[in-house]
Amino acid sequence: MKESSLCPKLEKAMELIGKRWTPMIIYQLLKGSHRFCEIESSFPISGRLLSERLKELESEGIVKREVFAEVPVRVEYSLTEKGLALAPFMRELEQWSDLYVSIK
């Protein structure tokens, strides 16, 4: 197997951010805390895949899961400081797509 010449940290970041739906989840959470069903209804993603992505982002310290002891139990997801640090990158990507990406 050929070894990558990329910086290992950049390679890991691209692998994480490059997963399907991950950038859209982060983009949604940049607007503030959301419940699972709010995120799920924002784009066509299965609940299973959304749950998987949120767990990955939580394990990387990008997303925080907060459980509120109410009846029924309320769970909200938000970005951590590490996740919020992605905001400039996401804004730049959004501007780039406005300029150069066409939808047919």
N, C-alpha and C. Protein backbone atom coordinates (compact mmCIF):
# COMPACT_ATOMS: atom_id res chain seq x y z
N MET A 1 0.83 -1.17 0.00
CA MET A 1 0.00 0.00 0.00
C MET A 1 0.88 1.24 0.00
N LYS A 2 0.54 2.20 -0.85
CA LYS A 2 1.32 3.42 -0.98
C LYS A 2 1.08 4.33 0.22
N GLU A 3 2.15 4.86 0.78
CA GLU A 3 2.05 5.74 1.93
C GLU A 3 1.75 7.16 1.45
N SER A 4 0.90 7.87 2.19
CA SER A 4 0.50 9.23 1.84
C SER A 4 1.63 10.20 2.16
N SER A 5 1.74 11.24 1.33
CA SER A 5 2.75 12.27 1.59
C SER A 5 2.13 13.47 2.30
N LEU A 6 0.82 13.39 2.59
CA LEU A 6 0.16 14.47 3.32
C LEU A 6 0.56 14.46 4.78
N CYS A 7 0.43 15.60 5.41
CA CYS A 7 0.60 15.68 6.85
C CYS A 7 -0.43 14.76 7.50
N PRO A 8 -0.04 13.92 8.43
CA PRO A 8 -0.99 12.98 9.04
C PRO A 8 -2.20 13.68 9.68
N LYS A 9 -1.99 14.86 10.28
CA LYS A 9 -3.10 15.58 10.91
C LYS A 9 -4.06 16.11 9.84
N LEU A 10 -3.53 16.62 8.74
CA LEU A 10 -4.39 17.10 7.66
C LEU A 10 -5.16 15.94 7.05
N GLU A 11 -4.48 14.83 6.88
CA GLU A 11 -5.13 13.65 6.32
C GLU A 11 -6.29 13.19 7.21
N LYS A 12 -6.09 13.16 8.53
CA LYS A 12 -7.15 12.77 9.46
C LYS A 12 -8.30 13.77 9.43
N ALA A 13 -7.97 15.06 9.39
CA ALA A 13 -9.02 16.09 9.34
C ALA A 13 -9.85 15.96 8.07
N MET A 14 -9.20 15.73 6.94
CA MET A 14 -9.93 15.59 5.68
C MET A 14 -10.79 14.33 5.68
N GLU A 15 -10.28 13.27 6.29
CA GLU A 15 -11.04 12.03 6.38
C GLU A 15 -12.30 12.25 7.23
N LEU A 16 -12.16 12.97 8.32
CA LEU A 16 -13.30 13.24 9.21
C LEU A 16 -14.31 14.19 8.56
N ILE A 17 -13.85 15.33 8.08
CA ILE A 17 -14.73 16.35 7.51
C ILE A 17 -15.28 15.90 6.16
N GLY A 18 -14.55 15.04 5.48
CA GLY A 18 -14.97 14.61 4.16
C GLY A 18 -16.05 13.54 4.13
N LYS A 19 -16.44 13.03 5.29
CA LYS A 19 -17.49 12.01 5.31
C LYS A 19 -18.82 12.63 4.91
N ARG A 20 -19.62 11.85 4.20
CA ARG A 20 -20.91 12.33 3.73
C ARG A 20 -21.76 12.83 4.90
N TRP A 21 -22.33 13.97 4.74
CA TRP A 21 -23.23 14.67 5.66
C TRP A 21 -22.51 15.37 6.81
N THR A 22 -21.28 15.05 7.09
CA THR A 22 -20.58 15.68 8.22
C THR A 22 -20.51 17.19 8.08
N PRO A 23 -20.09 17.74 6.92
CA PRO A 23 -20.07 19.20 6.81
C PRO A 23 -21.45 19.83 6.98
N MET A 24 -22.49 19.16 6.50
CA MET A 24 -23.84 19.71 6.61
C MET A 24 -24.32 19.70 8.07
N ILE A 25 -23.94 18.69 8.82
CA ILE A 25 -24.28 18.63 10.25
C ILE A 25 -23.58 19.77 10.98
N ILE A 26 -22.30 19.96 10.70
CA ILE A 26 -21.55 21.05 11.34
C ILE A 26 -22.15 22.39 10.95
N TYR A 27 -22.47 22.57 9.68
CA TYR A 27 -23.07 23.81 9.19
C TYR A 27 -24.39 24.10 9.92
N GLN A 28 -25.20 23.08 10.09
CA GLN A 28 -26.48 23.23 10.80
C GLN A 28 -26.25 23.64 12.25
N LEU A 29 -25.27 23.02 12.90
CA LEU A 29 -25.01 23.32 14.31
C LEU A 29 -24.32 24.66 14.51
N LEU A 30 -23.77 25.24 13.45
CA LEU A 30 -23.21 26.60 13.57
C LEU A 30 -24.31 27.61 13.88
N LYS A 31 -25.54 27.26 13.58
CA LYS A 31 -26.69 28.13 13.85
C LYS A 31 -27.15 28.04 15.30
N GLY A 32 -26.62 27.08 16.05
CA GLY A 32 -26.99 26.91 17.45
C GLY A 32 -27.35 25.47 17.76
N SER A 33 -27.77 25.23 19.00
CA SER A 33 -28.13 23.89 19.45
C SER A 33 -29.37 23.39 18.71
N HIS A 34 -29.37 22.09 18.44
CA HIS A 34 -30.51 21.48 17.77
C HIS A 34 -30.79 20.11 18.37
N ARG A 35 -32.05 19.74 18.34
CA ARG A 35 -32.44 18.39 18.71
C ARG A 35 -32.20 17.48 17.51
N PHE A 36 -32.11 16.18 17.78
CA PHE A 36 -31.84 15.20 16.74
C PHE A 36 -32.83 15.33 15.59
N CYS A 37 -34.12 15.40 15.93
CA CYS A 37 -35.15 15.44 14.88
C CYS A 37 -35.06 16.70 14.03
N GLU A 38 -34.58 17.80 14.61
CA GLU A 38 -34.41 19.04 13.84
C GLU A 38 -33.29 18.89 12.81
N ILE A 39 -32.21 18.26 13.22
CA ILE A 39 -31.10 18.03 12.29
C ILE A 39 -31.54 17.06 11.19
N GLU A 40 -32.20 16.00 11.61
CA GLU A 40 -32.63 14.96 10.67
C GLU A 40 -33.59 15.51 9.62
N SER A 41 -34.45 16.45 10.01
CA SER A 41 -35.42 17.00 9.06
C SER A 41 -34.82 18.06 8.15
N SER A 42 -33.59 18.47 8.42
CA SER A 42 -32.94 19.53 7.63
C SER A 42 -32.43 19.04 6.28
N PHE A 43 -32.11 17.76 6.18
CA PHE A 43 -31.62 17.20 4.92
C PHE A 43 -31.91 15.72 4.87
N PRO A 44 -31.86 15.12 3.69
CA PRO A 44 -32.26 13.71 3.55
C PRO A 44 -31.20 12.73 4.06
N ILE A 45 -31.20 12.52 5.35
CA ILE A 45 -30.25 11.60 5.97
C ILE A 45 -31.04 10.64 6.84
N SER A 46 -30.62 9.40 6.88
CA SER A 46 -31.31 8.43 7.72
C SER A 46 -30.94 8.68 9.18
N GLY A 47 -31.83 8.31 10.06
CA GLY A 47 -31.57 8.47 11.49
C GLY A 47 -30.35 7.69 11.94
N ARG A 48 -30.17 6.51 11.36
CA ARG A 48 -29.02 5.67 11.72
C ARG A 48 -27.70 6.35 11.34
N LEU A 49 -27.65 6.90 10.13
CA LEU A 49 -26.43 7.56 9.68
C LEU A 49 -26.18 8.85 10.45
N LEU A 50 -27.23 9.61 10.72
CA LEU A 50 -27.08 10.83 11.51
C LEU A 50 -26.54 10.50 12.90
N SER A 51 -27.09 9.48 13.51
CA SER A 51 -26.63 9.05 14.83
C SER A 51 -25.15 8.68 14.79
N GLU A 52 -24.75 7.95 13.76
CA GLU A 52 -23.35 7.54 13.59
C GLU A 52 -22.44 8.77 13.46
N ARG A 53 -22.84 9.71 12.61
CA ARG A 53 -22.02 10.91 12.40
C ARG A 53 -21.92 11.74 13.68
N LEU A 54 -23.03 11.90 14.38
CA LEU A 54 -23.01 12.68 15.63
C LEU A 54 -22.10 12.02 16.67
N LYS A 55 -22.13 10.70 16.75
CA LYS A 55 -21.25 9.99 17.68
C LYS A 55 -19.78 10.18 17.30
N GLU A 56 -19.47 10.13 16.01
CA GLU A 56 -18.09 10.35 15.56
C GLU A 56 -17.63 11.76 15.92
N LEU A 57 -18.49 12.75 15.64
CA LEU A 57 -18.14 14.14 15.93
C LEU A 57 -18.02 14.37 17.43
N GLU A 58 -18.84 13.70 18.20
CA GLU A 58 -18.76 13.81 19.66
C GLU A 58 -17.45 13.19 20.17
N SER A 59 -17.08 12.04 19.62
CA SER A 59 -15.85 11.38 20.07
C SER A 59 -14.60 12.18 19.68
N GLU A 60 -14.71 13.00 18.64
CA GLU A 60 -13.60 13.86 18.23
C GLU A 60 -13.60 15.20 18.97
N GLY A 61 -14.60 15.43 19.82
CA GLY A 61 -14.68 16.67 20.59
C GLY A 61 -15.19 17.85 19.79
N ILE A 62 -15.90 17.59 18.70
CA ILE A 62 -16.43 18.65 17.84
C ILE A 62 -17.87 18.97 18.21
N VAL A 63 -18.61 17.96 18.62
CA VAL A 63 -20.02 18.12 18.99
C VAL A 63 -20.20 17.72 20.45
N LYS A 64 -21.08 18.46 21.12
CA LYS A 64 -21.43 18.15 22.51
C LYS A 64 -22.88 17.68 22.53
N ARG A 65 -23.14 16.60 23.22
CA ARG A 65 -24.49 16.05 23.40
C ARG A 65 -24.92 16.37 24.82
N GLU A 66 -26.02 17.06 24.96
CA GLU A 66 -26.50 17.44 26.29
C GLU A 66 -27.89 16.86 26.51
N VAL A 67 -28.04 16.13 27.63
CA VAL A 67 -29.31 15.50 27.98
C VAL A 67 -29.96 16.31 29.09
N PHE A 68 -31.22 16.67 28.88
CA PHE A 68 -31.99 17.43 29.86
C PHE A 68 -32.99 16.50 30.52
N ALA A 69 -32.97 16.45 31.85
CA ALA A 69 -33.85 15.56 32.61
C ALA A 69 -35.25 16.14 32.68
N GLU A 70 -35.96 15.97 31.59
CA GLU A 70 -37.35 16.42 31.50
C GLU A 70 -38.19 15.22 31.11
N VAL A 71 -39.49 15.40 31.10
CA VAL A 71 -40.38 14.35 30.62
C VAL A 71 -41.14 14.89 29.44
N PRO A 72 -40.92 14.38 28.23
CA PRO A 72 -39.91 13.37 27.89
C PRO A 72 -38.50 13.96 27.91
N VAL A 73 -37.52 13.08 27.96
CA VAL A 73 -36.11 13.51 27.99
C VAL A 73 -35.81 14.30 26.71
N ARG A 74 -35.10 15.40 26.88
CA ARG A 74 -34.72 16.24 25.73
C ARG A 74 -33.21 16.13 25.56
N VAL A 75 -32.78 15.90 24.32
CA VAL A 75 -31.35 15.81 24.00
C VAL A 75 -31.06 16.85 22.93
N GLU A 76 -30.04 17.66 23.18
CA GLU A 76 -29.64 18.67 22.21
C GLU A 76 -28.17 18.50 21.85
N TYR A 77 -27.86 18.83 20.62
CA TYR A 77 -26.49 18.76 20.11
C TYR A 77 -26.03 20.18 19.79
N SER A 78 -24.79 20.46 20.13
CA SER A 78 -24.20 21.76 19.82
C SER A 78 -22.72 21.58 19.52
N LEU A 79 -22.12 22.62 18.99
CA LEU A 79 -20.69 22.56 18.70
C LEU A 79 -19.89 22.96 19.94
N THR A 80 -18.79 22.29 20.13
CA THR A 80 -17.85 22.66 21.18
C THR A 80 -16.99 23.81 20.66
N GLU A 81 -16.08 24.26 21.48
CA GLU A 81 -15.13 25.30 21.03
C GLU A 81 -14.35 24.81 19.81
N LYS A 82 -13.97 23.55 19.84
CA LYS A 82 -13.25 22.94 18.72
C LYS A 82 -14.13 22.94 17.46
N GLY A 83 -15.40 22.64 17.62
CA GLY A 83 -16.33 22.65 16.50
C GLY A 83 -16.58 24.04 15.96
N LEU A 84 -16.72 25.01 16.87
CA LEU A 84 -16.94 26.40 16.46
C LEU A 84 -15.74 26.96 15.72
N ALA A 85 -14.56 26.40 15.97
CA ALA A 85 -13.36 26.85 15.26
C ALA A 85 -13.44 26.53 13.77
N LEU A 86 -14.36 25.68 13.37
CA LEU A 86 -14.55 25.35 11.95
C LEU A 86 -15.39 26.42 11.23
N ALA A 87 -15.96 27.36 11.94
CA ALA A 87 -16.84 28.37 11.34
C ALA A 87 -16.18 29.14 10.19
N PRO A 88 -14.96 29.66 10.35
CA PRO A 88 -14.35 30.38 9.21
C PRO A 88 -14.17 29.49 7.99
N PHE A 89 -13.77 28.26 8.20
CA PHE A 89 -13.61 27.29 7.10
C PHE A 89 -14.95 27.07 6.40
N MET A 90 -16.00 26.88 7.17
CA MET A 90 -17.33 26.63 6.59
C MET A 90 -17.83 27.86 5.83
N ARG A 91 -17.58 29.04 6.35
CA ARG A 91 -18.00 30.28 5.65
C ARG A 91 -17.24 30.44 4.33
N GLU A 92 -15.95 30.17 4.36
CA GLU A 92 -15.13 30.25 3.14
C GLU A 92 -15.60 29.24 2.11
N LEU A 93 -15.91 28.03 2.54
CA LEU A 93 -16.41 27.01 1.63
C LEU A 93 -17.75 27.42 1.04
N GLU A 94 -18.59 28.03 1.87
CA GLU A 94 -19.89 28.51 1.39
C GLU A 94 -19.71 29.60 0.33
N GLN A 95 -18.80 30.54 0.59
CA GLN A 95 -18.53 31.60 -0.39
C GLN A 95 -17.96 31.03 -1.68
N TRP A 96 -17.04 30.09 -1.57
CA TRP A 96 -16.46 29.46 -2.74
C TRP A 96 -17.54 28.77 -3.56
N SER A 97 -18.43 28.04 -2.87
CA SER A 97 -19.49 27.33 -3.61
C SER A 97 -20.46 28.31 -4.28
N ASP A 98 -20.73 29.45 -3.64
CA ASP A 98 -21.58 30.46 -4.27
C ASP A 98 -20.97 30.97 -5.58
N LEU A 99 -19.65 31.10 -5.60
CA LEU A 99 -18.96 31.61 -6.77
C LEU A 99 -18.74 30.56 -7.88
N TYR A 100 -18.43 29.34 -7.48
CA TYR A 100 -17.92 28.39 -8.46
C TYR A 100 -18.72 27.11 -8.68
N VAL A 101 -19.69 26.83 -7.84
CA VAL A 101 -20.44 25.60 -7.99
C VAL A 101 -21.78 25.89 -8.65
N SER A 102 -22.05 25.17 -9.73
CA SER A 102 -23.34 25.35 -10.40
C SER A 102 -24.22 24.14 -10.14
N ILE A 103 -25.50 24.39 -10.01
CA ILE A 103 -26.47 23.32 -9.79
C ILE A 103 -27.29 23.18 -11.06
N LYS A 104 -27.33 21.98 -11.56
CA LYS A 104 -28.05 21.75 -12.83
C LYS A 104 -29.36 21.06 -12.58
